[in-house]
Amino acid sequence: MNPARVLALLHCFLFAVLVQSASISSLTNPAPTFKEAVERTKTLVEKILKDLPAVHAATVTIEGLTLDPSNQSTYLEMMAKLLGIPTAPVIKQLSENFTLDMCVSRMLAGGQLYQRLLGVLSGKVSGLDDLKVDLRDLLLRVSKLKEAAQLGSGDTSDQNGSLDLASRLPGNYEVQVAVHLTLSQLRSFCHDLIRSLRAIATYRFQGAGAQ
């Protein structure tokens, strides 16, 4: 056989081995940028959770409105509907039917929802500006996580299109209730984020190893 042809075939074989090895390595050892993005996002969510009680105390003065979940009455559920305050997109357990792509996309949609709600409410009451900044940073970090994981568009349905809170706040009482509901729901959403971020890391490592 022609020596040049033998050399070319050898190069092709070595290239194929290197590509396969790189592929397996990337699957079993997710990129450090992804792991760092997950951890940085989780750290910020933990900060938001830690700050929420103080933000609530500074902005909600109506007696009886607390962040205690047992105080979330049917009346408050009715007020949420009356004021047009939607809940965040549901973040489910990762599975074949609820992919990592869908999960991260819903994280973004939920963050955008609360950013918009706080944008309206900060014009009615003081004390929400720092939380708005944290939510802005959270969206940036989730976007970086999505980029690091090389995810697609995922579930991009518009969850927030019908938001019309400003026109439903005629007085201070409605504003106070709206702030309370928003902060309460944001806290629940952040708890979901923490659980999901932990699951994302575990799922990615185990799922990759199984492949």
N, C-alpha and C. Protein backbone atom coordinates (compact mmCIF):
# COMPACT_ATOMS: atom_id res chain seq x y z
N MET A 1 0.85 -1.21 0.00
CA MET A 1 0.00 0.00 0.00
C MET A 1 0.88 1.25 0.00
N ASN A 2 0.43 2.26 -0.66
CA ASN A 2 1.17 3.51 -0.74
C ASN A 2 1.41 4.07 0.68
N PRO A 3 2.69 4.37 1.04
CA PRO A 3 3.01 4.88 2.39
C PRO A 3 2.22 6.15 2.73
N ALA A 4 2.02 7.00 1.74
CA ALA A 4 1.26 8.23 2.00
C ALA A 4 -0.18 7.92 2.38
N ARG A 5 -0.73 6.89 1.71
CA ARG A 5 -2.12 6.52 2.01
C ARG A 5 -2.22 5.90 3.40
N VAL A 6 -1.20 5.08 3.75
CA VAL A 6 -1.18 4.49 5.09
C VAL A 6 -1.12 5.57 6.16
N LEU A 7 -0.28 6.58 5.92
CA LEU A 7 -0.15 7.68 6.87
C LEU A 7 -1.45 8.45 7.01
N ALA A 8 -2.15 8.67 5.88
CA ALA A 8 -3.42 9.39 5.91
C ALA A 8 -4.47 8.62 6.70
N LEU A 9 -4.50 7.29 6.48
CA LEU A 9 -5.46 6.46 7.21
C LEU A 9 -5.17 6.47 8.71
N LEU A 10 -3.88 6.45 9.06
CA LEU A 10 -3.49 6.49 10.47
C LEU A 10 -3.93 7.78 11.13
N HIS A 11 -3.76 8.88 10.41
CA HIS A 11 -4.19 10.18 10.93
C HIS A 11 -5.70 10.20 11.16
N CYS A 12 -6.46 9.65 10.22
CA CYS A 12 -7.93 9.61 10.37
C CYS A 12 -8.34 8.79 11.58
N PHE A 13 -7.63 7.66 11.77
CA PHE A 13 -7.95 6.79 12.91
C PHE A 13 -7.67 7.50 14.23
N LEU A 14 -6.51 8.14 14.32
CA LEU A 14 -6.16 8.86 15.55
C LEU A 14 -7.11 10.01 15.81
N PHE A 15 -7.53 10.70 14.77
CA PHE A 15 -8.47 11.82 14.93
C PHE A 15 -9.80 11.32 15.48
N ALA A 16 -10.27 10.16 14.95
CA ALA A 16 -11.54 9.59 15.42
C ALA A 16 -11.46 9.22 16.88
N VAL A 17 -10.31 8.65 17.31
CA VAL A 17 -10.13 8.27 18.72
C VAL A 17 -10.14 9.49 19.63
N LEU A 18 -9.45 10.56 19.18
CA LEU A 18 -9.40 11.78 19.97
C LEU A 18 -10.77 12.42 20.11
N VAL A 19 -11.55 12.45 19.03
CA VAL A 19 -12.90 13.03 19.08
C VAL A 19 -13.78 12.24 20.02
N GLN A 20 -13.70 10.90 19.96
CA GLN A 20 -14.53 10.08 20.83
C GLN A 20 -14.16 10.29 22.29
N SER A 21 -12.84 10.36 22.56
CA SER A 21 -12.38 10.57 23.94
C SER A 21 -12.84 11.91 24.46
N ALA A 22 -12.78 12.94 23.63
CA ALA A 22 -13.21 14.28 24.05
C ALA A 22 -14.69 14.29 24.33
N SER A 23 -15.46 13.58 23.51
CA SER A 23 -16.91 13.53 23.69
C SER A 23 -17.27 12.87 25.00
N ILE A 24 -16.61 11.72 25.31
CA ILE A 24 -16.90 11.03 26.56
C ILE A 24 -16.50 11.89 27.74
N SER A 25 -15.34 12.56 27.64
CA SER A 25 -14.88 13.41 28.73
C SER A 25 -15.86 14.53 29.00
N SER A 26 -16.39 15.16 27.94
CA SER A 26 -17.31 16.28 28.13
C SER A 26 -18.62 15.82 28.75
N LEU A 27 -19.02 14.59 28.49
CA LEU A 27 -20.27 14.08 29.05
C LEU A 27 -20.12 13.74 30.52
N THR A 28 -18.99 13.07 30.86
CA THR A 28 -18.83 12.62 32.24
C THR A 28 -18.30 13.72 33.14
N ASN A 29 -17.71 14.76 32.54
CA ASN A 29 -17.18 15.87 33.33
C ASN A 29 -17.68 17.19 32.76
N PRO A 30 -18.86 17.63 33.17
CA PRO A 30 -19.43 18.88 32.65
C PRO A 30 -18.45 20.04 32.78
N ALA A 31 -18.52 20.96 31.86
CA ALA A 31 -17.59 22.08 31.84
C ALA A 31 -17.62 22.85 33.15
N PRO A 32 -16.44 23.27 33.64
CA PRO A 32 -16.38 24.05 34.88
C PRO A 32 -17.26 25.29 34.82
N THR A 33 -17.40 25.88 33.62
CA THR A 33 -18.22 27.09 33.50
C THR A 33 -19.68 26.79 33.84
N PHE A 34 -20.15 25.60 33.49
CA PHE A 34 -21.52 25.23 33.82
C PHE A 34 -21.69 25.05 35.31
N LYS A 35 -20.76 24.31 35.93
CA LYS A 35 -20.85 24.09 37.37
C LYS A 35 -20.76 25.41 38.13
N GLU A 36 -19.89 26.29 37.66
CA GLU A 36 -19.75 27.60 38.30
C GLU A 36 -21.03 28.42 38.12
N ALA A 37 -21.64 28.35 36.95
CA ALA A 37 -22.88 29.09 36.70
C ALA A 37 -24.01 28.61 37.60
N VAL A 38 -24.10 27.30 37.80
CA VAL A 38 -25.12 26.75 38.69
C VAL A 38 -24.91 27.25 40.11
N GLU A 39 -23.65 27.19 40.58
CA GLU A 39 -23.36 27.58 41.96
C GLU A 39 -23.57 29.07 42.18
N ARG A 40 -23.17 29.88 41.21
CA ARG A 40 -23.34 31.34 41.35
C ARG A 40 -24.82 31.70 41.35
N THR A 41 -25.61 31.02 40.54
CA THR A 41 -27.04 31.28 40.51
C THR A 41 -27.68 30.89 41.83
N LYS A 42 -27.29 29.73 42.35
CA LYS A 42 -27.85 29.26 43.62
C LYS A 42 -27.50 30.21 44.77
N THR A 43 -26.27 30.73 44.76
CA THR A 43 -25.84 31.65 45.81
C THR A 43 -26.69 32.92 45.80
N LEU A 44 -27.00 33.43 44.61
CA LEU A 44 -27.82 34.64 44.52
C LEU A 44 -29.26 34.37 44.98
N VAL A 45 -29.80 33.21 44.61
CA VAL A 45 -31.16 32.88 45.05
C VAL A 45 -31.21 32.78 46.57
N GLU A 46 -30.18 32.20 47.17
CA GLU A 46 -30.12 32.11 48.64
C GLU A 46 -30.08 33.50 49.26
N LYS A 47 -29.36 34.43 48.63
CA LYS A 47 -29.32 35.80 49.13
C LYS A 47 -30.71 36.44 49.07
N ILE A 48 -31.40 36.23 47.95
CA ILE A 48 -32.75 36.79 47.81
C ILE A 48 -33.66 36.24 48.90
N LEU A 49 -33.59 34.95 49.14
CA LEU A 49 -34.42 34.33 50.18
C LEU A 49 -34.09 34.91 51.56
N LYS A 50 -32.82 35.13 51.80
CA LYS A 50 -32.40 35.69 53.08
C LYS A 50 -32.90 37.12 53.26
N ASP A 51 -32.96 37.90 52.19
CA ASP A 51 -33.35 39.31 52.26
C ASP A 51 -34.86 39.52 52.25
N LEU A 52 -35.62 38.55 51.78
CA LEU A 52 -37.06 38.75 51.61
C LEU A 52 -37.80 39.13 52.89
N PRO A 53 -37.54 38.51 54.05
CA PRO A 53 -38.26 38.91 55.26
C PRO A 53 -38.07 40.39 55.59
N ALA A 54 -36.85 40.91 55.44
CA ALA A 54 -36.60 42.32 55.73
C ALA A 54 -37.31 43.22 54.73
N VAL A 55 -37.31 42.82 53.46
CA VAL A 55 -38.00 43.60 52.43
C VAL A 55 -39.49 43.62 52.72
N HIS A 56 -40.05 42.48 53.10
CA HIS A 56 -41.48 42.40 53.41
C HIS A 56 -41.81 43.29 54.61
N ALA A 57 -41.00 43.23 55.65
CA ALA A 57 -41.25 44.04 56.85
C ALA A 57 -41.19 45.54 56.54
N ALA A 58 -40.34 45.92 55.60
CA ALA A 58 -40.18 47.34 55.27
C ALA A 58 -41.26 47.87 54.34
N THR A 59 -41.94 46.98 53.64
CA THR A 59 -42.89 47.44 52.62
C THR A 59 -44.35 47.09 52.91
N VAL A 60 -44.59 46.11 53.77
CA VAL A 60 -45.96 45.67 54.07
C VAL A 60 -46.26 45.97 55.53
N THR A 61 -47.19 46.88 55.75
CA THR A 61 -47.48 47.33 57.12
C THR A 61 -48.86 46.90 57.61
N ILE A 62 -49.67 46.30 56.78
CA ILE A 62 -50.99 45.85 57.20
C ILE A 62 -50.85 44.67 58.15
N GLU A 63 -51.46 44.77 59.29
CA GLU A 63 -51.37 43.73 60.31
C GLU A 63 -51.97 42.42 59.78
N GLY A 64 -51.27 41.33 60.04
CA GLY A 64 -51.77 40.03 59.64
C GLY A 64 -51.18 39.52 58.34
N LEU A 65 -50.58 40.40 57.56
CA LEU A 65 -49.94 39.97 56.32
C LEU A 65 -48.48 39.63 56.60
N THR A 66 -48.18 38.36 56.73
CA THR A 66 -46.83 37.91 57.01
C THR A 66 -46.42 36.87 55.97
N LEU A 67 -45.14 36.54 55.99
CA LEU A 67 -44.63 35.53 55.06
C LEU A 67 -44.87 34.10 55.54
N ASP A 68 -45.50 33.96 56.70
CA ASP A 68 -45.83 32.63 57.20
C ASP A 68 -46.80 31.96 56.23
N PRO A 69 -46.43 30.80 55.65
CA PRO A 69 -47.31 30.14 54.67
C PRO A 69 -48.70 29.83 55.21
N SER A 70 -48.82 29.62 56.54
CA SER A 70 -50.12 29.28 57.12
C SER A 70 -51.09 30.45 57.07
N ASN A 71 -50.57 31.65 56.82
CA ASN A 71 -51.42 32.84 56.76
C ASN A 71 -51.95 33.12 55.36
N GLN A 72 -51.62 32.27 54.39
CA GLN A 72 -52.07 32.48 53.02
C GLN A 72 -53.48 31.91 52.88
N SER A 73 -54.46 32.77 53.04
CA SER A 73 -55.86 32.36 53.11
C SER A 73 -56.52 32.33 51.74
N THR A 74 -57.73 31.80 51.73
CA THR A 74 -58.53 31.78 50.51
C THR A 74 -58.80 33.21 50.04
N TYR A 75 -58.96 34.12 51.00
CA TYR A 75 -59.19 35.52 50.66
C TYR A 75 -58.02 36.08 49.86
N LEU A 76 -56.79 35.75 50.27
CA LEU A 76 -55.62 36.24 49.56
C LEU A 76 -55.51 35.62 48.18
N GLU A 77 -55.91 34.36 48.05
CA GLU A 77 -55.93 33.73 46.73
C GLU A 77 -56.91 34.46 45.81
N MET A 78 -58.05 34.86 46.39
CA MET A 78 -59.04 35.60 45.62
C MET A 78 -58.49 36.98 45.21
N MET A 79 -57.76 37.62 46.14
CA MET A 79 -57.18 38.93 45.85
C MET A 79 -56.13 38.82 44.74
N ALA A 80 -55.38 37.73 44.73
CA ALA A 80 -54.38 37.54 43.68
C ALA A 80 -55.05 37.49 42.31
N LYS A 81 -56.19 36.82 42.24
CA LYS A 81 -56.93 36.76 40.97
C LYS A 81 -57.52 38.12 40.62
N LEU A 82 -58.04 38.81 41.64
CA LEU A 82 -58.65 40.12 41.41
C LEU A 82 -57.63 41.14 40.92
N LEU A 83 -56.43 41.07 41.48
CA LEU A 83 -55.37 42.01 41.10
C LEU A 83 -54.64 41.57 39.84
N GLY A 84 -54.91 40.37 39.39
CA GLY A 84 -54.26 39.88 38.18
C GLY A 84 -52.80 39.52 38.39
N ILE A 85 -52.46 38.97 39.56
CA ILE A 85 -51.09 38.56 39.84
C ILE A 85 -50.94 37.08 39.51
N PRO A 86 -50.27 36.76 38.42
CA PRO A 86 -50.13 35.35 38.03
C PRO A 86 -49.07 34.64 38.85
N THR A 87 -49.15 33.33 38.90
CA THR A 87 -48.11 32.55 39.56
C THR A 87 -46.99 32.29 38.55
N ALA A 88 -45.83 31.97 39.06
CA ALA A 88 -44.69 31.69 38.19
C ALA A 88 -44.90 30.37 37.45
N PRO A 89 -44.25 30.20 36.31
CA PRO A 89 -44.33 28.92 35.59
C PRO A 89 -43.90 27.77 36.49
N VAL A 90 -44.57 26.65 36.39
CA VAL A 90 -44.28 25.49 37.23
C VAL A 90 -42.94 24.88 36.82
N ILE A 91 -42.09 24.64 37.80
CA ILE A 91 -40.81 23.96 37.56
C ILE A 91 -40.94 22.56 38.13
N LYS A 92 -40.94 21.57 37.24
CA LYS A 92 -41.15 20.19 37.65
C LYS A 92 -39.82 19.47 37.85
N GLN A 93 -39.93 18.24 38.33
CA GLN A 93 -38.75 17.41 38.46
C GLN A 93 -38.24 17.03 37.07
N LEU A 94 -36.94 17.06 36.90
CA LEU A 94 -36.36 16.73 35.60
C LEU A 94 -36.70 15.30 35.18
N SER A 95 -37.08 15.15 33.93
CA SER A 95 -37.44 13.84 33.39
C SER A 95 -37.36 13.92 31.88
N GLU A 96 -37.73 12.83 31.21
CA GLU A 96 -37.74 12.84 29.75
C GLU A 96 -38.77 13.83 29.21
N ASN A 97 -39.84 14.05 29.98
CA ASN A 97 -40.90 14.97 29.55
C ASN A 97 -40.70 16.40 30.05
N PHE A 98 -39.76 16.58 30.97
CA PHE A 98 -39.46 17.92 31.47
C PHE A 98 -37.94 18.05 31.49
N THR A 99 -37.43 18.52 30.40
CA THR A 99 -35.98 18.52 30.18
C THR A 99 -35.29 19.67 30.89
N LEU A 100 -33.96 19.58 30.90
CA LEU A 100 -33.15 20.66 31.46
C LEU A 100 -33.42 21.96 30.72
N ASP A 101 -33.58 21.88 29.43
CA ASP A 101 -33.87 23.06 28.61
C ASP A 101 -35.17 23.74 29.07
N MET A 102 -36.22 22.95 29.25
CA MET A 102 -37.50 23.49 29.70
C MET A 102 -37.38 24.07 31.09
N CYS A 103 -36.64 23.40 31.96
CA CYS A 103 -36.48 23.86 33.34
C CYS A 103 -35.84 25.24 33.40
N VAL A 104 -34.72 25.40 32.69
CA VAL A 104 -34.01 26.68 32.72
C VAL A 104 -34.83 27.78 32.06
N SER A 105 -35.55 27.43 31.00
CA SER A 105 -36.41 28.42 30.34
C SER A 105 -37.50 28.92 31.28
N ARG A 106 -38.04 28.02 32.09
CA ARG A 106 -39.06 28.45 33.05
C ARG A 106 -38.47 29.25 34.20
N MET A 107 -37.24 28.96 34.55
CA MET A 107 -36.56 29.81 35.53
C MET A 107 -36.50 31.25 35.02
N LEU A 108 -36.14 31.39 33.75
CA LEU A 108 -36.06 32.72 33.16
C LEU A 108 -37.44 33.39 33.13
N ALA A 109 -38.46 32.63 32.72
CA ALA A 109 -39.81 33.19 32.63
C ALA A 109 -40.30 33.65 34.00
N GLY A 110 -40.01 32.85 35.04
CA GLY A 110 -40.43 33.24 36.39
C GLY A 110 -39.70 34.48 36.86
N GLY A 111 -38.40 34.54 36.61
CA GLY A 111 -37.65 35.73 37.00
C GLY A 111 -38.15 36.97 36.29
N GLN A 112 -38.48 36.84 35.02
CA GLN A 112 -39.02 37.98 34.26
C GLN A 112 -40.37 38.43 34.81
N LEU A 113 -41.18 37.46 35.23
CA LEU A 113 -42.49 37.79 35.79
C LEU A 113 -42.33 38.65 37.04
N TYR A 114 -41.49 38.21 37.97
CA TYR A 114 -41.34 38.97 39.22
C TYR A 114 -40.59 40.29 39.01
N GLN A 115 -39.74 40.34 38.02
CA GLN A 115 -39.11 41.61 37.68
C GLN A 115 -40.15 42.62 37.21
N ARG A 116 -41.10 42.16 36.42
CA ARG A 116 -42.15 43.05 35.92
C ARG A 116 -43.09 43.48 37.05
N LEU A 117 -43.45 42.53 37.91
CA LEU A 117 -44.32 42.86 39.04
C LEU A 117 -43.66 43.90 39.94
N LEU A 118 -42.41 43.67 40.28
CA LEU A 118 -41.71 44.62 41.15
C LEU A 118 -41.50 45.96 40.45
N GLY A 119 -41.38 45.94 39.14
CA GLY A 119 -41.25 47.19 38.41
C GLY A 119 -42.48 48.06 38.59
N VAL A 120 -43.65 47.44 38.59
CA VAL A 120 -44.90 48.19 38.82
C VAL A 120 -45.00 48.64 40.28
N LEU A 121 -44.74 47.71 41.20
CA LEU A 121 -44.94 47.99 42.62
C LEU A 121 -43.93 48.99 43.17
N SER A 122 -42.72 49.02 42.61
CA SER A 122 -41.71 49.96 43.12
C SER A 122 -42.10 51.41 42.82
N GLY A 123 -43.02 51.59 41.89
CA GLY A 123 -43.53 52.93 41.63
C GLY A 123 -44.61 53.35 42.61
N LYS A 124 -45.06 52.40 43.44
CA LYS A 124 -46.13 52.65 44.41
C LYS A 124 -45.64 52.66 45.85
N VAL A 125 -44.51 51.96 46.11
CA VAL A 125 -44.01 51.86 47.47
C VAL A 125 -42.48 51.79 47.42
N SER A 126 -41.83 52.36 48.41
CA SER A 126 -40.37 52.33 48.45
C SER A 126 -39.89 51.07 49.18
N GLY A 127 -38.65 50.71 48.92
CA GLY A 127 -38.06 49.57 49.61
C GLY A 127 -37.87 48.34 48.74
N LEU A 128 -38.16 48.44 47.44
CA LEU A 128 -38.07 47.28 46.56
C LEU A 128 -36.91 47.37 45.57
N ASP A 129 -36.18 48.48 45.59
CA ASP A 129 -35.16 48.69 44.56
C ASP A 129 -34.03 47.66 44.61
N ASP A 130 -33.55 47.34 45.81
CA ASP A 130 -32.46 46.37 45.92
C ASP A 130 -32.90 45.00 45.42
N LEU A 131 -34.13 44.63 45.72
CA LEU A 131 -34.65 43.35 45.26
C LEU A 131 -34.76 43.33 43.73
N LYS A 132 -35.14 44.45 43.15
CA LYS A 132 -35.20 44.55 41.69
C LYS A 132 -33.82 44.32 41.08
N VAL A 133 -32.79 44.88 41.69
CA VAL A 133 -31.43 44.69 41.20
C VAL A 133 -31.03 43.22 41.29
N ASP A 134 -31.38 42.58 42.40
CA ASP A 134 -31.06 41.15 42.56
C ASP A 134 -31.76 40.30 41.50
N LEU A 135 -33.00 40.64 41.20
CA LEU A 135 -33.72 39.89 40.16
C LEU A 135 -33.10 40.12 38.78
N ARG A 136 -32.67 41.32 38.54
CA ARG A 136 -31.97 41.60 37.27
C ARG A 136 -30.72 40.73 37.17
N ASP A 137 -29.96 40.68 38.26
CA ASP A 137 -28.75 39.87 38.28
C ASP A 137 -29.07 38.37 38.16
N LEU A 138 -30.19 37.97 38.77
CA LEU A 138 -30.59 36.56 38.69
C LEU A 138 -30.87 36.17 37.24
N LEU A 139 -31.55 37.04 36.52
CA LEU A 139 -31.84 36.75 35.11
C LEU A 139 -30.54 36.63 34.31
N LEU A 140 -29.57 37.47 34.61
CA LEU A 140 -28.29 37.41 33.92
C LEU A 140 -27.58 36.09 34.22
N ARG A 141 -27.66 35.66 35.47
CA ARG A 141 -26.96 34.43 35.85
C ARG A 141 -27.64 33.20 35.27
N VAL A 142 -28.96 33.20 35.23
CA VAL A 142 -29.66 32.06 34.63
C VAL A 142 -29.38 32.03 33.13
N SER A 143 -29.29 33.20 32.52
CA SER A 143 -28.95 33.26 31.09
C SER A 143 -27.55 32.69 30.84
N LYS A 144 -26.61 33.00 31.72
CA LYS A 144 -25.26 32.47 31.58
C LYS A 144 -25.25 30.95 31.79
N LEU A 145 -26.09 30.50 32.73
CA LEU A 145 -26.21 29.05 32.96
C LEU A 145 -26.73 28.37 31.69
N LYS A 146 -27.73 28.97 31.10
CA LYS A 146 -28.31 28.42 29.87
C LYS A 146 -27.28 28.38 28.75
N GLU A 147 -26.48 29.44 28.67
CA GLU A 147 -25.44 29.49 27.64
C GLU A 147 -24.35 28.45 27.91
N ALA A 148 -23.94 28.31 29.18
CA ALA A 148 -22.89 27.35 29.53
C ALA A 148 -23.32 25.92 29.26
N ALA A 149 -24.62 25.65 29.43
CA ALA A 149 -25.15 24.31 29.18
C ALA A 149 -25.45 24.08 27.70
N GLN A 150 -25.28 25.13 26.90
CA GLN A 150 -25.53 25.05 25.45
C GLN A 150 -26.95 24.55 25.17
N LEU A 151 -27.90 25.18 25.85
CA LEU A 151 -29.29 24.78 25.70
C LEU A 151 -29.95 25.55 24.57
N GLY A 152 -31.06 25.01 24.07
CA GLY A 152 -31.82 25.65 23.01
C GLY A 152 -32.82 26.64 23.56
N SER A 153 -33.88 26.90 22.81
CA SER A 153 -34.90 27.88 23.22
C SER A 153 -35.82 27.34 24.28
N GLY A 154 -36.04 26.01 24.33
CA GLY A 154 -36.88 25.42 25.35
C GLY A 154 -38.31 25.90 25.31
N ASP A 155 -38.95 25.93 26.49
CA ASP A 155 -40.34 26.36 26.61
C ASP A 155 -40.38 27.87 26.68
N THR A 156 -40.66 28.52 25.57
CA THR A 156 -40.58 29.98 25.50
C THR A 156 -41.96 30.64 25.44
N SER A 157 -43.01 29.91 25.84
CA SER A 157 -44.35 30.49 25.82
C SER A 157 -44.40 31.70 26.74
N ASP A 158 -45.14 32.72 26.34
CA ASP A 158 -45.22 33.97 27.09
C ASP A 158 -46.13 33.78 28.28
N GLN A 159 -45.51 33.67 29.45
CA GLN A 159 -46.28 33.47 30.68
C GLN A 159 -46.79 34.79 31.25
N ASN A 160 -46.24 35.92 30.78
CA ASN A 160 -46.49 37.19 31.44
C ASN A 160 -47.24 38.20 30.57
N GLY A 161 -47.77 37.75 29.44
CA GLY A 161 -48.34 38.69 28.49
C GLY A 161 -49.56 39.44 29.00
N SER A 162 -50.34 38.84 29.89
CA SER A 162 -51.59 39.46 30.32
C SER A 162 -51.45 40.27 31.61
N LEU A 163 -50.22 40.50 32.06
CA LEU A 163 -50.00 41.25 33.30
C LEU A 163 -50.53 42.67 33.17
N ASP A 164 -51.45 43.03 34.07
CA ASP A 164 -52.06 44.36 34.04
C ASP A 164 -52.29 44.83 35.47
N LEU A 165 -51.22 44.83 36.24
CA LEU A 165 -51.34 45.13 37.67
C LEU A 165 -51.58 46.60 37.96
N ALA A 166 -50.90 47.48 37.24
CA ALA A 166 -50.94 48.91 37.57
C ALA A 166 -52.36 49.46 37.61
N SER A 167 -53.21 49.03 36.69
CA SER A 167 -54.58 49.56 36.62
C SER A 167 -55.49 49.00 37.71
N ARG A 168 -54.99 48.04 38.48
CA ARG A 168 -55.82 47.40 39.50
C ARG A 168 -55.39 47.77 40.92
N LEU A 169 -54.68 48.88 41.04
CA LEU A 169 -54.19 49.32 42.35
C LEU A 169 -54.73 50.72 42.66
N PRO A 170 -56.01 50.83 42.97
CA PRO A 170 -56.59 52.14 43.19
C PRO A 170 -56.17 52.82 44.49
N GLY A 171 -55.77 52.03 45.49
CA GLY A 171 -55.42 52.62 46.78
C GLY A 171 -54.31 51.87 47.49
N ASN A 172 -53.93 52.38 48.66
CA ASN A 172 -52.82 51.81 49.42
C ASN A 172 -53.08 50.37 49.83
N TYR A 173 -54.33 50.04 50.17
CA TYR A 173 -54.64 48.68 50.60
C TYR A 173 -54.31 47.68 49.50
N GLU A 174 -54.76 47.96 48.30
CA GLU A 174 -54.49 47.06 47.18
C GLU A 174 -52.99 46.95 46.91
N VAL A 175 -52.27 48.08 47.03
CA VAL A 175 -50.82 48.07 46.83
C VAL A 175 -50.15 47.16 47.85
N GLN A 176 -50.56 47.31 49.13
CA GLN A 176 -49.97 46.50 50.19
C GLN A 176 -50.22 45.01 49.97
N VAL A 177 -51.43 44.68 49.60
CA VAL A 177 -51.77 43.27 49.35
C VAL A 177 -50.98 42.75 48.15
N ALA A 178 -50.84 43.56 47.12
CA ALA A 178 -50.10 43.15 45.93
C ALA A 178 -48.63 42.91 46.26
N VAL A 179 -48.04 43.78 47.08
CA VAL A 179 -46.65 43.59 47.48
C VAL A 179 -46.51 42.30 48.28
N HIS A 180 -47.43 42.10 49.22
CA HIS A 180 -47.39 40.88 50.04
C HIS A 180 -47.49 39.63 49.17
N LEU A 181 -48.44 39.61 48.28
CA LEU A 181 -48.63 38.44 47.42
C LEU A 181 -47.41 38.20 46.53
N THR A 182 -46.87 39.27 45.97
CA THR A 182 -45.71 39.14 45.10
C THR A 182 -44.51 38.59 45.85
N LEU A 183 -44.25 39.14 47.03
CA LEU A 183 -43.09 38.67 47.81
C LEU A 183 -43.29 37.24 48.30
N SER A 184 -44.52 36.90 48.66
CA SER A 184 -44.81 35.53 49.12
C SER A 184 -44.60 34.54 47.98
N GLN A 185 -45.11 34.88 46.80
CA GLN A 185 -44.96 33.99 45.66
C GLN A 185 -43.51 33.93 45.19
N LEU A 186 -42.81 35.06 45.29
CA LEU A 186 -41.39 35.07 44.91
C LEU A 186 -40.60 34.15 45.84
N ARG A 187 -40.93 34.14 47.11
CA ARG A 187 -40.23 33.26 48.04
C ARG A 187 -40.44 31.79 47.66
N SER A 188 -41.69 31.44 47.34
CA SER A 188 -41.96 30.06 46.92
C SER A 188 -41.20 29.71 45.65
N PHE A 189 -41.16 30.66 44.72
CA PHE A 189 -40.45 30.45 43.46
C PHE A 189 -38.96 30.24 43.72
N CYS A 190 -38.39 31.00 44.66
CA CYS A 190 -36.97 30.87 44.98
C CYS A 190 -36.67 29.50 45.61
N HIS A 191 -37.59 29.01 46.44
CA HIS A 191 -37.41 27.67 47.01
C HIS A 191 -37.41 26.63 45.88
N ASP A 192 -38.29 26.81 44.91
CA ASP A 192 -38.31 25.90 43.76
C ASP A 192 -37.00 25.99 42.97
N LEU A 193 -36.48 27.21 42.85
CA LEU A 193 -35.22 27.39 42.13
C LEU A 193 -34.07 26.66 42.82
N ILE A 194 -34.01 26.77 44.15
CA ILE A 194 -32.94 26.11 44.89
C ILE A 194 -33.00 24.60 44.67
N ARG A 195 -34.19 24.03 44.79
CA ARG A 195 -34.34 22.59 44.59
C ARG A 195 -33.96 22.20 43.15
N SER A 196 -34.37 23.02 42.20
CA SER A 196 -34.10 22.70 40.80
C SER A 196 -32.62 22.83 40.46
N LEU A 197 -31.96 23.82 41.01
CA LEU A 197 -30.53 24.00 40.75
C LEU A 197 -29.73 22.84 41.31
N ARG A 198 -30.13 22.35 42.47
CA ARG A 198 -29.46 21.17 43.02
C ARG A 198 -29.70 19.96 42.12
N ALA A 199 -30.94 19.83 41.65
CA ALA A 199 -31.28 18.69 40.79
C ALA A 199 -30.58 18.77 39.44
N ILE A 200 -30.42 19.98 38.92
CA ILE A 200 -29.75 20.16 37.63
C ILE A 200 -28.33 19.60 37.69
N ALA A 201 -27.60 19.97 38.74
CA ALA A 201 -26.23 19.50 38.87
C ALA A 201 -26.19 17.98 38.99
N THR A 202 -27.02 17.43 39.85
CA THR A 202 -27.05 15.98 40.07
C THR A 202 -27.49 15.25 38.82
N TYR A 203 -28.55 15.74 38.19
CA TYR A 203 -29.09 15.11 36.98
C TYR A 203 -28.06 15.12 35.87
N ARG A 204 -27.37 16.21 35.72
CA ARG A 204 -26.41 16.35 34.61
C ARG A 204 -25.24 15.39 34.79
N PHE A 205 -24.74 15.30 36.04
CA PHE A 205 -23.62 14.39 36.28
C PHE A 205 -24.03 12.94 36.08
N GLN A 206 -25.15 12.53 36.71
CA GLN A 206 -25.59 11.15 36.64
C GLN A 206 -26.03 10.78 35.23
N GLY A 207 -26.80 11.70 34.60
CA GLY A 207 -27.27 11.43 33.25
C GLY A 207 -26.13 11.28 32.27
N ALA A 208 -25.12 12.13 32.45
CA ALA A 208 -23.99 12.05 31.55
C ALA A 208 -23.22 10.76 31.76
N GLY A 209 -23.04 10.37 33.02
CA GLY A 209 -22.31 9.16 33.33
C GLY A 209 -23.01 7.95 32.77
N ALA A 210 -24.35 7.97 32.75
CA ALA A 210 -25.10 6.83 32.25
C ALA A 210 -24.91 6.65 30.77
N GLN A 211 -24.62 7.78 30.07
CA GLN A 211 -24.43 7.69 28.63
C GLN A 211 -23.06 7.11 28.33
